[in-house]
Structures are given as structure tokens and as C-alpha cells.
Amino acid sequence: MREVGRIERSIFMLDWLRDLDLRRRTQAGLNKGEARNALARALFFNQLGELRDRRFENQTYRASGLNLLVAAIILWNTRYLEQAVGALSIPEDVARHIAPLGWEHISLTGDYRWNVESRPDPGQLRPLRTPSSLLAA
């Protein structure tokens, strides 16, 4: 079985060297994984990244909470990216390369104010902001 595995790896390496599209797709997938990890690092104690819990169970809870928070941000971004792609008429072949992994629009530290009056109705999204570059065009 070990020799079969070596043959498989050798075939994959030859395919990798020969196929530029395979290398591009693989690199795009790796970039998305790194972007997800960067988001998790940014959220984790605002990039200080220390687990101070001594018990393994508490460390697991904290790590699970981090995964939940990352998933919530990705869901939020996905919902709004879907709306933005539709509003800007971005072609599907371009839209498939957009990953919902950014967090520049999220304040990781500071004061949070919850304006209940401006909250959208259930099932509704806030209106998209129009970038100033689009307003000038």
C-alpha cells in the first residue's frame, strides 16, 4: 500500500507541474484557508491570541466560541455579499472568486452602540452603502 501511495503522489506531482490551472485552483483554496485563519486570529483577543484557561474543557469551549463567531461573521458577509453582487450586477464567473472572509467593517475593539430604532425588520437586511467611487462615476 505504501508503494501505491508513492505512485499516487508521483502522479499528482507530475499533474501539478504540467497543469497551470490545477496550481491556480489549489492556490486559491489555500488563500481562502489562510484568510479564514487570519480572521480567527484577528478575533482571538484582538490578535493577542492567548488561551489563559487551564482546564482543557474550558479551552475547548473558548475555541468552539471562536469558531462560532467566525461562522457568524462569514454568514453575515455572505448575506450582504449576495445582496451587493445582485445590486452591482457582478458576473457569476467573477462572483465565485469573492470570499466572505473580510472583517475590516467590523470593530473588534471599542464602544458598541445598539440603536434599536434603526434595526431592520426580521428577515430584512440593512441597505447597502454606496462607495464614494461609484457616486463619482
C-alpha atoms as a PDB file:
ATOM      1  CA  MET A   1       0.000   0.000   0.000  1.00  0.00           C
ATOM      2  CA  ARG A   2       2.892   2.325   0.723  1.00  0.00           C
ATOM      3  CA  GLU A   3       4.183   1.904  -2.837  1.00  0.00           C
ATOM      4  CA  VAL A   4       0.714   2.613  -4.271  1.00  0.00           C
ATOM      5  CA  GLY A   5       0.638   5.807  -2.202  1.00  0.00           C
ATOM      6  CA  ARG A   6       4.028   6.823  -3.571  1.00  0.00           C
ATOM      7  CA  ILE A   7       2.815   6.218  -7.122  1.00  0.00           C
ATOM      8  CA  GLU A   8      -0.284   8.345  -6.461  1.00  0.00           C
ATOM      9  CA  ARG A   9       1.838  11.186  -5.046  1.00  0.00           C
ATOM     10  CA  SER A  10       4.211  10.983  -8.009  1.00  0.00           C
ATOM     11  CA  ILE A  11       1.322  11.164 -10.475  1.00  0.00           C
ATOM     12  CA  PHE A  12      -0.134  14.138  -8.612  1.00  0.00           C
ATOM     13  CA  MET A  13       3.242  15.930  -8.636  1.00  0.00           C
ATOM     14  CA  LEU A  14       3.540  15.408 -12.401  1.00  0.00           C
ATOM     15  CA  ASP A  15      -0.019  16.704 -12.878  1.00  0.00           C
ATOM     16  CA  TRP A  16       0.820  19.664 -10.641  1.00  0.00           C
ATOM     17  CA  LEU A  17       3.884  20.568 -12.713  1.00  0.00           C
ATOM     18  CA  ARG A  18       2.040  20.163 -16.001  1.00  0.00           C
ATOM     19  CA  ASP A  19      -1.322  21.798 -15.176  1.00  0.00           C
ATOM     20  CA  LEU A  20      -1.230  25.543 -14.509  1.00  0.00           C
ATOM     21  CA  ASP A  21      -4.996  25.611 -13.822  1.00  0.00           C
ATOM     22  CA  LEU A  22      -4.601  22.971 -11.083  1.00  0.00           C
ATOM     23  CA  ARG A  23      -1.919  25.091  -9.405  1.00  0.00           C
ATOM     24  CA  ARG A  24      -4.112  28.200  -9.589  1.00  0.00           C
ATOM     25  CA  ARG A  25      -7.168  26.427  -8.135  1.00  0.00           C
ATOM     26  CA  THR A  26      -5.098  24.919  -5.348  1.00  0.00           C
ATOM     27  CA  GLN A  27      -3.504  28.274  -4.521  1.00  0.00           C
ATOM     28  CA  ALA A  28      -6.926  29.960  -4.441  1.00  0.00           C
ATOM     29  CA  GLY A  29      -8.149  27.331  -1.977  1.00  0.00           C
ATOM     30  CA  LEU A  30      -5.062  27.780   0.187  1.00  0.00           C
ATOM     31  CA  ASN A  31      -5.532  31.566   0.132  1.00  0.00           C
ATOM     32  CA  LYS A  32      -9.123  31.194   1.369  1.00  0.00           C
ATOM     33  CA  GLY A  33      -7.957  28.918   4.176  1.00  0.00           C
ATOM     34  CA  GLU A  34      -5.305  31.434   5.189  1.00  0.00           C
ATOM     35  CA  ALA A  35      -7.878  34.255   5.087  1.00  0.00           C
ATOM     36  CA  ARG A  36     -10.148  32.259   7.421  1.00  0.00           C
ATOM     37  CA  ASN A  37      -7.242  31.709   9.797  1.00  0.00           C
ATOM     38  CA  ALA A  38      -6.377  35.422   9.673  1.00  0.00           C
ATOM     39  CA  LEU A  39      -9.985  36.257  10.585  1.00  0.00           C
ATOM     40  CA  ALA A  40      -9.836  33.852  13.533  1.00  0.00           C
ATOM     41  CA  ARG A  41      -6.523  35.367  14.698  1.00  0.00           C
ATOM     42  CA  ALA A  42      -7.966  38.884  14.474  1.00  0.00           C
ATOM     43  CA  LEU A  43     -10.965  37.887  16.584  1.00  0.00           C
ATOM     44  CA  PHE A  44      -8.978  35.937  19.129  1.00  0.00           C
ATOM     45  CA  PHE A  45      -8.254  38.550  21.787  1.00  0.00           C
ATOM     46  CA  ASN A  46      -7.703  41.167  19.094  1.00  0.00           C
ATOM     47  CA  GLN A  47      -4.629  39.325  17.802  1.00  0.00           C
ATOM     48  CA  LEU A  48      -3.067  38.666  21.215  1.00  0.00           C
ATOM     49  CA  GLY A  49      -4.048  35.012  20.912  1.00  0.00           C
ATOM     50  CA  GLU A  50      -3.623  33.594  24.372  1.00  0.00           C
ATOM     51  CA  LEU A  51      -5.719  30.893  25.975  1.00  0.00           C
ATOM     52  CA  ARG A  52      -5.490  31.528  29.684  1.00  0.00           C
ATOM     53  CA  ASP A  53      -7.849  28.764  30.734  1.00  0.00           C
ATOM     54  CA  ARG A  54      -6.067  25.941  32.491  1.00  0.00           C
ATOM     55  CA  ARG A  55      -8.696  23.269  32.039  1.00  0.00           C
ATOM     56  CA  PHE A  56      -8.880  21.545  28.662  1.00  0.00           C
ATOM     57  CA  GLU A  57     -12.682  21.686  28.774  1.00  0.00           C
ATOM     58  CA  ASN A  58     -12.634  25.493  29.114  1.00  0.00           C
ATOM     59  CA  GLN A  59     -10.087  25.777  26.304  1.00  0.00           C
ATOM     60  CA  THR A  60     -12.401  23.704  24.134  1.00  0.00           C
ATOM     61  CA  TYR A  61     -15.336  25.980  24.955  1.00  0.00           C
ATOM     62  CA  ARG A  62     -13.304  29.051  24.049  1.00  0.00           C
ATOM     63  CA  ALA A  63     -12.120  27.507  20.762  1.00  0.00           C
ATOM     64  CA  SER A  64     -15.688  26.468  19.924  1.00  0.00           C
ATOM     65  CA  GLY A  65     -16.876  30.000  20.664  1.00  0.00           C
ATOM     66  CA  LEU A  66     -14.218  31.368  18.321  1.00  0.00           C
ATOM     67  CA  ASN A  67     -15.375  29.007  15.558  1.00  0.00           C
ATOM     68  CA  LEU A  68     -18.968  30.084  16.146  1.00  0.00           C
ATOM     69  CA  LEU A  69     -18.003  33.760  15.925  1.00  0.00           C
ATOM     70  CA  VAL A  70     -16.023  33.179  12.707  1.00  0.00           C
ATOM     71  CA  ALA A  71     -19.012  31.330  11.226  1.00  0.00           C
ATOM     72  CA  ALA A  72     -21.365  34.170  12.220  1.00  0.00           C
ATOM     73  CA  ILE A  73     -19.147  36.758  10.505  1.00  0.00           C
ATOM     74  CA  ILE A  74     -18.882  34.617   7.387  1.00  0.00           C
ATOM     75  CA  LEU A  75     -22.674  34.212   7.336  1.00  0.00           C
ATOM     76  CA  TRP A  76     -23.170  37.982   7.786  1.00  0.00           C
ATOM     77  CA  ASN A  77     -20.702  38.726   4.987  1.00  0.00           C
ATOM     78  CA  THR A  78     -22.262  36.106   2.723  1.00  0.00           C
ATOM     79  CA  ARG A  79     -25.740  37.593   3.120  1.00  0.00           C
ATOM     80  CA  TYR A  80     -24.535  41.094   2.303  1.00  0.00           C
ATOM     81  CA  LEU A  81     -22.193  39.978  -0.488  1.00  0.00           C
ATOM     82  CA  GLU A  82     -25.120  38.216  -2.128  1.00  0.00           C
ATOM     83  CA  GLN A  83     -27.093  41.449  -1.988  1.00  0.00           C
ATOM     84  CA  ALA A  84     -24.132  43.516  -3.260  1.00  0.00           C
ATOM     85  CA  VAL A  85     -23.421  41.122  -6.137  1.00  0.00           C
ATOM     86  CA  GLY A  86     -27.039  41.418  -7.230  1.00  0.00           C
ATOM     87  CA  ALA A  87     -27.136  45.203  -6.859  1.00  0.00           C
ATOM     88  CA  LEU A  88     -23.883  45.717  -8.784  1.00  0.00           C
ATOM     89  CA  SER A  89     -24.671  43.078 -11.451  1.00  0.00           C
ATOM     90  CA  ILE A  90     -21.366  41.307 -10.953  1.00  0.00           C
ATOM     91  CA  PRO A  91     -20.993  38.391 -13.411  1.00  0.00           C
ATOM     92  CA  GLU A  92     -21.196  34.912 -11.885  1.00  0.00           C
ATOM     93  CA  ASP A  93     -17.722  33.934 -13.099  1.00  0.00           C
ATOM     94  CA  VAL A  94     -16.277  36.897 -11.149  1.00  0.00           C
ATOM     95  CA  ALA A  95     -18.542  36.485  -8.102  1.00  0.00           C
ATOM     96  CA  ARG A  96     -17.370  32.920  -7.499  1.00  0.00           C
ATOM     97  CA  HIS A  97     -13.922  34.283  -6.632  1.00  0.00           C
ATOM     98  CA  ILE A  98     -15.222  36.563  -3.868  1.00  0.00           C
ATOM     99  CA  ALA A  99     -14.770  35.105  -0.390  1.00  0.00           C
ATOM    100  CA  PRO A 100     -16.823  36.343   2.602  1.00  0.00           C
ATOM    101  CA  LEU A 101     -13.778  36.425   4.869  1.00  0.00           C
ATOM    102  CA  GLY A 102     -13.117  40.153   5.309  1.00  0.00           C
ATOM    103  CA  TRP A 103     -13.521  41.861   8.652  1.00  0.00           C
ATOM    104  CA  GLU A 104     -12.409  45.450   8.017  1.00  0.00           C
ATOM    105  CA  HIS A 105     -16.006  46.630   8.507  1.00  0.00           C
ATOM    106  CA  ILE A 106     -16.224  45.058  11.972  1.00  0.00           C
ATOM    107  CA  SER A 107     -14.998  46.951  15.024  1.00  0.00           C
ATOM    108  CA  LEU A 108     -13.001  44.458  17.052  1.00  0.00           C
ATOM    109  CA  THR A 109     -12.419  46.868  19.917  1.00  0.00           C
ATOM    110  CA  GLY A 110     -14.178  49.962  21.155  1.00  0.00           C
ATOM    111  CA  ASP A 111     -17.671  51.003  22.113  1.00  0.00           C
ATOM    112  CA  TYR A 112     -20.722  49.333  20.660  1.00  0.00           C
ATOM    113  CA  ARG A 113     -23.984  51.186  20.406  1.00  0.00           C
ATOM    114  CA  TRP A 114     -27.190  49.354  19.658  1.00  0.00           C
ATOM    115  CA  ASN A 115     -29.676  51.685  18.018  1.00  0.00           C
ATOM    116  CA  VAL A 116     -32.930  49.777  18.339  1.00  0.00           C
ATOM    117  CA  GLU A 117     -34.876  52.266  16.214  1.00  0.00           C
ATOM    118  CA  SER A 118     -32.691  51.741  13.135  1.00  0.00           C
ATOM    119  CA  ARG A 119     -32.829  47.946  13.393  1.00  0.00           C
ATOM    120  CA  PRO A 120     -34.249  46.308  10.230  1.00  0.00           C
ATOM    121  CA  ASP A 121     -37.353  44.169  10.417  1.00  0.00           C
ATOM    122  CA  PRO A 122     -36.876  40.415  10.950  1.00  0.00           C
ATOM    123  CA  GLY A 123     -35.732  38.754   7.734  1.00  0.00           C
ATOM    124  CA  GLN A 124     -34.607  42.089   6.250  1.00  0.00           C
ATOM    125  CA  LEU A 125     -31.080  43.395   5.716  1.00  0.00           C
ATOM    126  CA  ARG A 126     -29.776  46.892   6.215  1.00  0.00           C
ATOM    127  CA  PRO A 127     -29.462  48.886   2.969  1.00  0.00           C
ATOM    128  CA  LEU A 128     -26.115  48.687   1.217  1.00  0.00           C
ATOM    129  CA  ARG A 129     -23.819  51.679   1.449  1.00  0.00           C
ATOM    130  CA  THR A 130     -22.764  53.106  -1.900  1.00  0.00           C
ATOM    131  CA  PRO A 131     -18.998  53.548  -2.169  1.00  0.00           C
ATOM    132  CA  SER A 132     -17.925  57.118  -2.936  1.00  0.00           C
ATOM    133  CA  SER A 133     -16.092  55.855  -6.030  1.00  0.00           C
ATOM    134  CA  LEU A 134     -19.416  54.741  -7.505  1.00  0.00           C
ATOM    135  CA  LEU A 135     -21.061  58.067  -6.685  1.00  0.00           C
ATOM    136  CA  ALA A 136     -18.374  59.977  -8.606  1.00  0.00           C
ATOM    137  CA  ALA A 137     -18.815  57.849 -11.731  1.00  0.00           C
END
